[in-house]
Amino acid sequence: MGQFAIAAASVGLQMVQQRQQQKAQLRAAQHQAEVETQRLRQRQDIENRQRQEQLKRTLASQRAAFGASGVSGRGGSADAVLQGMRNETARAISDQESVLGLQIGGINDQVDNIRRSNLLQRRNFLQQTALNAAIGGLKKLPLLEQ
């Protein structure tokens, strides 16, 4: 019975150590995911701000060009041209946000994969431990007595 207690304590210790390692690995992956997500969002914000600023400059330049050519910057085809520029910028921002969503989704999937892998490793460890205990118990049974 003493050997069983020692084996059980050893298995318990291994499980605790494995769980601690897995928690540390998961925390590190989550932290890295948060840092990467924040970096991506910050870059997105900067690019959006730059697009908006570029749009303002382009619209002002286009209005000036219209004025220089004697075309009013308001109404008719001038409005259509300016609205087209606004729409193009809005589409670029929307497309970039979609890409950002996919990137962040991929980052989160990596963390989820680590979490699932940890669960599988624990399950496999428990199954292997149970199997080893069963095999060890069977070896002690006199199955074929002669």
Foldseek 3Di string as FASTA:
>chain_A
DVVVVVLVVVLVVVLVVLVVVLVVVLVVLVVVLVVVLVVLVVVLVVVLVVLVVVLVVVLVVLCVVCVVVVHHCDDDPNVVVNVVSVVVSVVVSVVSVVVSVVVSVVSVVVSVVSVVVSVVVSVVSVVVSVVVVVVVVVVPDCPDDD
